[in-house]
N, C-alpha and C. Protein backbone atom coordinates (compact mmCIF):
# COMPACT_ATOMS: atom_id res chain seq x y z
N MET A 1 0.85 -1.18 0.00
CA MET A 1 0.00 0.00 0.00
C MET A 1 0.90 1.25 0.00
N LEU A 2 0.62 2.15 -0.87
CA LEU A 2 1.38 3.40 -0.99
C LEU A 2 0.91 4.39 0.07
N SER A 3 1.84 4.96 0.80
CA SER A 3 1.52 5.95 1.83
C SER A 3 1.98 7.32 1.36
N VAL A 4 1.09 8.28 1.41
CA VAL A 4 1.40 9.64 0.98
C VAL A 4 1.30 10.57 2.18
N ALA A 5 2.30 11.41 2.34
CA ALA A 5 2.27 12.38 3.44
C ALA A 5 1.20 13.43 3.16
N LEU A 6 0.37 13.68 4.15
CA LEU A 6 -0.67 14.69 4.04
C LEU A 6 -0.28 15.88 4.90
N ARG A 7 -0.19 17.04 4.30
CA ARG A 7 0.16 18.26 5.02
C ARG A 7 -1.04 19.20 5.05
N ALA A 8 -1.16 19.90 6.16
CA ALA A 8 -2.22 20.89 6.32
C ALA A 8 -1.60 22.24 6.66
N ARG A 9 -2.17 23.32 6.15
CA ARG A 9 -1.71 24.67 6.48
C ARG A 9 -2.25 25.04 7.85
N LEU A 10 -1.40 25.64 8.67
CA LEU A 10 -1.79 26.09 10.01
C LEU A 10 -1.41 27.54 10.21
N ARG A 11 -2.20 28.24 10.95
CA ARG A 11 -1.87 29.59 11.38
C ARG A 11 -1.71 29.51 12.90
N LEU A 12 -0.49 29.73 13.37
CA LEU A 12 -0.19 29.64 14.80
C LEU A 12 -0.07 31.03 15.40
N ARG A 13 -0.57 31.17 16.61
CA ARG A 13 -0.41 32.41 17.35
C ARG A 13 -0.14 32.06 18.81
N VAL A 14 0.67 32.86 19.45
CA VAL A 14 0.96 32.68 20.87
C VAL A 14 -0.10 33.45 21.64
N ARG A 15 -0.76 32.78 22.55
CA ARG A 15 -1.81 33.44 23.33
C ARG A 15 -1.25 34.61 24.11
N GLY A 16 -1.97 35.72 24.07
CA GLY A 16 -1.56 36.92 24.78
C GLY A 16 -0.58 37.79 24.01
N ARG A 17 -0.28 37.44 22.76
CA ARG A 17 0.65 38.22 21.95
C ARG A 17 0.01 38.55 20.61
N GLU A 18 0.51 39.60 19.99
CA GLU A 18 0.03 40.00 18.67
C GLU A 18 0.68 39.16 17.58
N GLY A 19 0.04 39.06 16.44
CA GLY A 19 0.63 38.42 15.28
C GLY A 19 0.43 36.92 15.23
N PHE A 20 0.86 36.35 14.12
CA PHE A 20 0.73 34.91 13.88
C PHE A 20 1.79 34.49 12.89
N ILE A 21 1.95 33.17 12.72
CA ILE A 21 2.87 32.59 11.74
C ILE A 21 2.12 31.52 10.97
N ASP A 22 2.18 31.58 9.65
CA ASP A 22 1.61 30.53 8.81
C ASP A 22 2.67 29.46 8.57
N THR A 23 2.30 28.20 8.73
CA THR A 23 3.23 27.09 8.52
C THR A 23 2.43 25.89 8.04
N SER A 24 3.06 24.75 7.94
CA SER A 24 2.35 23.53 7.56
C SER A 24 2.73 22.42 8.53
N ALA A 25 1.90 21.38 8.59
CA ALA A 25 2.15 20.25 9.48
C ALA A 25 1.72 18.96 8.80
N MET A 26 2.44 17.89 9.10
CA MET A 26 2.02 16.57 8.62
C MET A 26 0.94 16.06 9.56
N VAL A 27 -0.15 15.55 8.99
CA VAL A 27 -1.28 15.14 9.82
C VAL A 27 -1.55 13.64 9.80
N ASN A 28 -0.82 12.88 9.03
CA ASN A 28 -1.05 11.44 8.99
C ASN A 28 0.25 10.67 9.20
N THR A 29 0.92 10.94 10.30
CA THR A 29 2.22 10.34 10.55
C THR A 29 2.13 8.90 11.04
N GLY A 30 0.95 8.43 11.44
CA GLY A 30 0.80 7.07 11.93
C GLY A 30 0.93 6.96 13.44
N PHE A 31 1.26 8.04 14.13
CA PHE A 31 1.36 8.01 15.58
C PHE A 31 0.05 8.49 16.19
N GLU A 32 -0.33 7.89 17.30
CA GLU A 32 -1.56 8.28 17.99
C GLU A 32 -1.23 8.77 19.39
N THR A 33 -1.99 9.76 19.84
CA THR A 33 -1.83 10.31 21.19
C THR A 33 -3.20 10.43 21.84
N GLU A 34 -3.20 10.52 23.16
CA GLU A 34 -4.46 10.67 23.88
C GLU A 34 -5.05 12.06 23.70
N THR A 35 -4.21 13.06 23.47
CA THR A 35 -4.66 14.43 23.27
C THR A 35 -4.00 14.96 21.99
N PRO A 36 -4.59 15.95 21.34
CA PRO A 36 -3.96 16.52 20.14
C PRO A 36 -2.59 17.10 20.48
N GLN A 37 -1.61 16.84 19.63
CA GLN A 37 -0.26 17.35 19.84
C GLN A 37 0.30 17.85 18.52
N LEU A 38 1.11 18.87 18.62
CA LEU A 38 1.77 19.45 17.46
C LEU A 38 3.25 19.59 17.81
N LEU A 39 4.12 18.88 17.09
CA LEU A 39 5.55 18.96 17.32
C LEU A 39 6.12 20.03 16.40
N LEU A 40 6.84 20.98 16.98
CA LEU A 40 7.38 22.11 16.22
C LEU A 40 8.90 22.07 16.23
N PRO A 41 9.52 22.43 15.11
CA PRO A 41 10.99 22.53 15.11
C PRO A 41 11.44 23.70 15.98
N LEU A 42 12.65 23.56 16.53
CA LEU A 42 13.17 24.56 17.46
C LEU A 42 13.21 25.96 16.84
N LYS A 43 13.55 26.06 15.56
CA LYS A 43 13.61 27.37 14.91
C LYS A 43 12.24 28.07 14.95
N LEU A 44 11.17 27.33 14.68
CA LEU A 44 9.82 27.91 14.72
C LEU A 44 9.43 28.28 16.14
N VAL A 45 9.77 27.44 17.11
CA VAL A 45 9.48 27.76 18.51
C VAL A 45 10.20 29.05 18.91
N SER A 46 11.43 29.21 18.44
CA SER A 46 12.18 30.44 18.73
C SER A 46 11.53 31.66 18.11
N VAL A 47 11.10 31.54 16.85
CA VAL A 47 10.44 32.66 16.17
C VAL A 47 9.15 33.04 16.90
N LEU A 48 8.44 32.05 17.44
CA LEU A 48 7.22 32.32 18.19
C LEU A 48 7.49 32.92 19.56
N GLY A 49 8.76 32.98 19.97
CA GLY A 49 9.11 33.55 21.26
C GLY A 49 8.91 32.60 22.42
N LEU A 50 8.88 31.28 22.13
CA LEU A 50 8.67 30.29 23.18
C LEU A 50 9.95 29.56 23.57
N TRP A 51 11.09 30.06 23.13
CA TRP A 51 12.37 29.46 23.52
C TRP A 51 13.30 30.54 23.99
N PRO A 52 13.89 30.47 25.16
CA PRO A 52 13.77 29.34 26.09
C PRO A 52 12.34 29.16 26.58
N PRO A 53 12.01 27.94 27.03
CA PRO A 53 10.63 27.61 27.38
C PRO A 53 10.08 28.49 28.51
N PRO A 54 8.79 28.83 28.43
CA PRO A 54 8.15 29.56 29.52
C PRO A 54 8.04 28.67 30.77
N LEU A 55 7.76 29.26 31.90
CA LEU A 55 7.69 28.52 33.16
C LEU A 55 6.65 27.40 33.14
N GLU A 56 5.56 27.57 32.39
CA GLU A 56 4.50 26.55 32.40
C GLU A 56 4.82 25.34 31.52
N ALA A 57 5.92 25.38 30.78
CA ALA A 57 6.30 24.25 29.93
C ALA A 57 6.74 23.07 30.80
N GLN A 58 6.48 21.86 30.29
CA GLN A 58 6.89 20.65 30.98
C GLN A 58 7.91 19.92 30.12
N LEU A 59 8.91 19.30 30.75
CA LEU A 59 9.87 18.48 30.03
C LEU A 59 9.37 17.05 30.07
N LEU A 60 9.12 16.47 28.90
CA LEU A 60 8.65 15.09 28.80
C LEU A 60 9.77 14.21 28.28
N GLU A 61 9.98 13.09 28.92
CA GLU A 61 10.96 12.11 28.46
C GLU A 61 10.19 10.90 27.96
N PHE A 62 10.68 10.30 26.88
CA PHE A 62 9.97 9.18 26.27
C PHE A 62 10.96 8.24 25.61
N GLY A 63 10.49 7.03 25.37
CA GLY A 63 11.29 6.04 24.67
C GLY A 63 10.71 5.75 23.30
N THR A 64 11.57 5.55 22.33
CA THR A 64 11.15 5.20 20.98
C THR A 64 11.98 4.03 20.50
N THR A 65 11.67 3.52 19.33
CA THR A 65 12.48 2.44 18.77
C THR A 65 13.89 2.92 18.45
N GLY A 66 14.07 4.22 18.29
CA GLY A 66 15.38 4.79 18.01
C GLY A 66 16.16 5.19 19.25
N GLY A 67 15.57 5.04 20.42
CA GLY A 67 16.24 5.40 21.67
C GLY A 67 15.39 6.35 22.51
N HIS A 68 15.99 6.88 23.54
CA HIS A 68 15.29 7.80 24.44
C HIS A 68 15.36 9.23 23.92
N GLY A 69 14.38 10.03 24.27
CA GLY A 69 14.36 11.43 23.85
C GLY A 69 13.60 12.27 24.85
N SER A 70 13.58 13.56 24.61
CA SER A 70 12.82 14.47 25.46
C SER A 70 12.34 15.64 24.62
N ASN A 71 11.23 16.22 25.03
CA ASN A 71 10.65 17.39 24.37
C ASN A 71 10.04 18.28 25.43
N GLU A 72 9.98 19.56 25.13
CA GLU A 72 9.24 20.50 25.98
C GLU A 72 7.77 20.41 25.56
N ARG A 73 6.89 20.49 26.53
CA ARG A 73 5.45 20.46 26.26
C ARG A 73 4.85 21.78 26.72
N PHE A 74 4.26 22.51 25.78
CA PHE A 74 3.62 23.79 26.06
C PHE A 74 2.12 23.54 26.11
N LEU A 75 1.55 23.58 27.29
CA LEU A 75 0.17 23.14 27.45
C LEU A 75 -0.86 24.12 26.90
N THR A 76 -0.67 25.40 27.09
CA THR A 76 -1.72 26.35 26.69
C THR A 76 -1.17 27.56 25.94
N SER A 77 0.05 27.47 25.45
CA SER A 77 0.70 28.64 24.89
C SER A 77 0.24 29.00 23.48
N LEU A 78 -0.21 28.01 22.68
CA LEU A 78 -0.52 28.26 21.28
C LEU A 78 -1.99 28.19 20.98
N GLY A 79 -2.40 29.04 20.06
CA GLY A 79 -3.71 28.94 19.43
C GLY A 79 -3.48 28.61 17.97
N TYR A 80 -4.44 28.06 17.29
CA TYR A 80 -4.27 27.69 15.89
C TYR A 80 -5.58 27.82 15.14
N SER A 81 -5.47 27.90 13.83
CA SER A 81 -6.65 27.91 12.97
C SER A 81 -6.29 27.34 11.62
C-alpha cells in the first residue's frame, strides 16, 4: 500500500501576543496520542518567542524504537486555525 504524506496549512499564534505565523504540518504520521499534539521545530518555537521555554512548559521524556528522547510540552501557549 502506498503511503502519501498529508500536510495541512496552520496559522499559529501565541496566546496573549500579537501576530501569527503561517506554517504547515504533517497530519497522517501514523502516531496516535491521547490528546492533540503538534511537534514544532526549534527554529519555529524560537520565532514564536517560546524558547527558552516559559515557566509553564513541561519536560517530557519518552522512549522510541530509536532510543530515548525528550521534548518540551507547552500546554496552553498556542492557538491555531
